[in-house]
Amino acid sequence: GNEALNVRYNNLVRDEADFLKGSDAIIRRKIDDLRQLTWDIRKHDPQYVAGLYLHYALKDPSEYVDEEMAKQLVTRGDAALERGNVAELLEVIYRLYDLLIDKDEDEAMKGTGLA
């Protein structure tokens, strides 16, 4: 868990001075890698995941392509939140995000590798 994430981080920043001298494409790739690492860390933080879930659960059902499915997912998410089941909450978050009508407007998923 944490050791693997530490190794990934150290590998990403090890040659920082060199890659900062590189092309825009190399710098953008490093930024993307760091964003993915940030998401990989955050998705193991129950409080962060709960906050992200609530962001979607509190949206108006009309913001989703399938309002009924969104309502069912929120019911399932509420139960997962009660049980502290982070894996199930993440699954609900991903599915709610997929149902969003306007994903471009949704800042919560920026940097998660999903948006």
Protein backbone atom coordinates (compact mmCIF):
# COMPACT_ATOMS: atom_id res chain seq x y z
CA GLY A 1 0.00 0.00 0.00
CA ASN A 2 1.82 3.05 1.29
CA GLU A 3 5.31 1.77 0.46
CA ALA A 4 4.38 1.21 -3.19
CA LEU A 5 2.94 4.74 -3.39
CA ASN A 6 6.12 6.15 -1.81
CA VAL A 7 8.25 4.33 -4.38
CA ARG A 8 6.09 5.69 -7.23
CA TYR A 9 6.38 9.22 -5.85
CA ASN A 10 10.15 8.97 -5.42
CA ASN A 11 10.52 7.65 -8.96
CA LEU A 12 8.41 10.51 -10.32
CA VAL A 13 10.38 13.29 -8.62
CA ARG A 14 13.84 11.72 -8.67
CA ASP A 15 14.90 13.43 -11.91
CA GLU A 16 12.90 16.60 -11.38
CA ALA A 17 15.66 18.99 -12.48
CA ASP A 18 16.18 17.03 -15.70
CA PHE A 19 12.55 16.71 -16.72
CA LEU A 20 11.88 20.39 -15.94
CA LYS A 21 14.46 21.18 -18.63
CA GLY A 22 12.60 18.87 -21.03
CA SER A 23 9.89 19.53 -23.57
CA ASP A 24 6.35 20.58 -22.72
CA ALA A 25 5.18 17.05 -23.57
CA ILE A 26 7.56 15.52 -21.00
CA ILE A 27 6.47 18.00 -18.33
CA ARG A 28 2.78 17.37 -19.12
CA ARG A 29 3.35 13.61 -18.86
CA LYS A 30 4.97 14.06 -15.42
CA ILE A 31 2.07 16.25 -14.31
CA ASP A 32 -0.39 13.57 -15.46
CA ASP A 33 1.61 10.92 -13.61
CA LEU A 34 1.54 13.03 -10.43
CA ARG A 35 -2.22 13.57 -10.77
CA GLN A 36 -2.75 9.83 -11.12
CA LEU A 37 -0.58 9.21 -8.05
CA THR A 38 -2.59 11.82 -6.12
CA TRP A 39 -5.83 10.01 -7.03
CA ASP A 40 -4.31 6.64 -6.09
CA ILE A 41 -3.53 8.10 -2.65
CA ARG A 42 -6.85 9.91 -2.17
CA LYS A 43 -9.04 6.96 -3.13
CA HIS A 44 -7.76 5.17 -0.01
CA ASP A 45 -8.79 8.06 2.27
CA PRO A 46 -12.31 7.30 3.58
CA GLN A 47 -13.06 10.95 4.37
CA TYR A 48 -12.03 12.11 0.88
CA VAL A 49 -14.10 9.37 -0.78
CA ALA A 50 -17.11 10.21 1.43
CA GLY A 51 -16.85 13.88 0.45
CA LEU A 52 -16.60 12.99 -3.21
CA TYR A 53 -19.62 10.71 -2.90
CA LEU A 54 -21.66 13.46 -1.22
CA HIS A 55 -20.75 15.79 -4.08
CA TYR A 56 -22.63 13.47 -6.43
CA ALA A 57 -25.34 12.35 -4.03
CA LEU A 58 -26.46 15.94 -3.42
CA LYS A 59 -26.76 16.82 -7.11
CA ASP A 60 -30.25 17.28 -8.48
CA PRO A 61 -31.44 14.05 -10.14
CA SER A 62 -32.11 16.06 -13.32
CA GLU A 63 -28.33 16.40 -13.76
CA TYR A 64 -28.14 12.68 -14.57
CA VAL A 65 -29.04 10.95 -17.84
CA ASP A 66 -31.06 8.31 -15.98
CA GLU A 67 -32.64 9.93 -12.91
CA GLU A 68 -34.07 6.67 -11.57
CA MET A 69 -30.72 4.88 -11.78
CA ALA A 70 -29.03 7.85 -10.10
CA LYS A 71 -31.55 7.67 -7.23
CA GLN A 72 -30.91 3.92 -6.84
CA LEU A 73 -27.16 4.52 -6.81
CA VAL A 74 -27.52 7.22 -4.16
CA THR A 75 -29.56 4.81 -1.99
CA ARG A 76 -26.84 2.20 -2.42
CA GLY A 77 -24.14 4.81 -1.76
CA ASP A 78 -25.84 5.98 1.42
CA ALA A 79 -25.82 2.40 2.71
CA ALA A 80 -22.15 1.97 1.75
CA LEU A 81 -21.35 5.25 3.51
CA GLU A 82 -23.09 3.99 6.66
CA ARG A 83 -21.04 0.78 6.54
CA GLY A 84 -17.80 2.64 5.73
CA ASN A 85 -17.35 0.57 2.57
CA VAL A 86 -14.90 2.70 0.55
CA ALA A 87 -14.66 0.25 -2.38
CA GLU A 88 -18.43 0.22 -2.87
CA LEU A 89 -18.59 4.02 -2.52
CA LEU A 90 -15.98 4.37 -5.25
CA GLU A 91 -18.00 2.10 -7.51
CA VAL A 92 -21.11 4.24 -6.90
CA ILE A 93 -19.10 7.43 -7.57
CA TYR A 94 -17.80 6.07 -10.89
CA ARG A 95 -21.31 5.05 -11.96
CA LEU A 96 -22.84 8.38 -10.94
CA TYR A 97 -20.10 10.19 -12.84
CA ASP A 98 -20.85 8.08 -15.92
CA LEU A 99 -24.52 9.13 -15.68
CA LEU A 100 -23.74 12.86 -15.46
CA ILE A 101 -25.13 14.84 -18.38
CA ASP A 102 -22.46 17.55 -18.30
CA LYS A 103 -19.16 16.04 -17.24
CA ASP A 104 -17.19 19.12 -18.36
CA GLU A 105 -18.79 21.16 -15.59
CA ASP A 106 -17.81 18.68 -12.89
CA GLU A 107 -14.65 19.80 -11.10
CA ALA A 108 -14.73 17.06 -8.45
CA MET A 109 -13.27 14.47 -10.79
CA LYS A 110 -10.43 16.64 -12.10
CA GLY A 111 -7.14 14.97 -11.29
CA THR A 112 -8.69 11.58 -10.60
CA GLY A 113 -7.77 10.05 -13.90
CA LEU A 114 -11.47 9.74 -14.71
CA ALA A 115 -12.09 13.20 -16.13
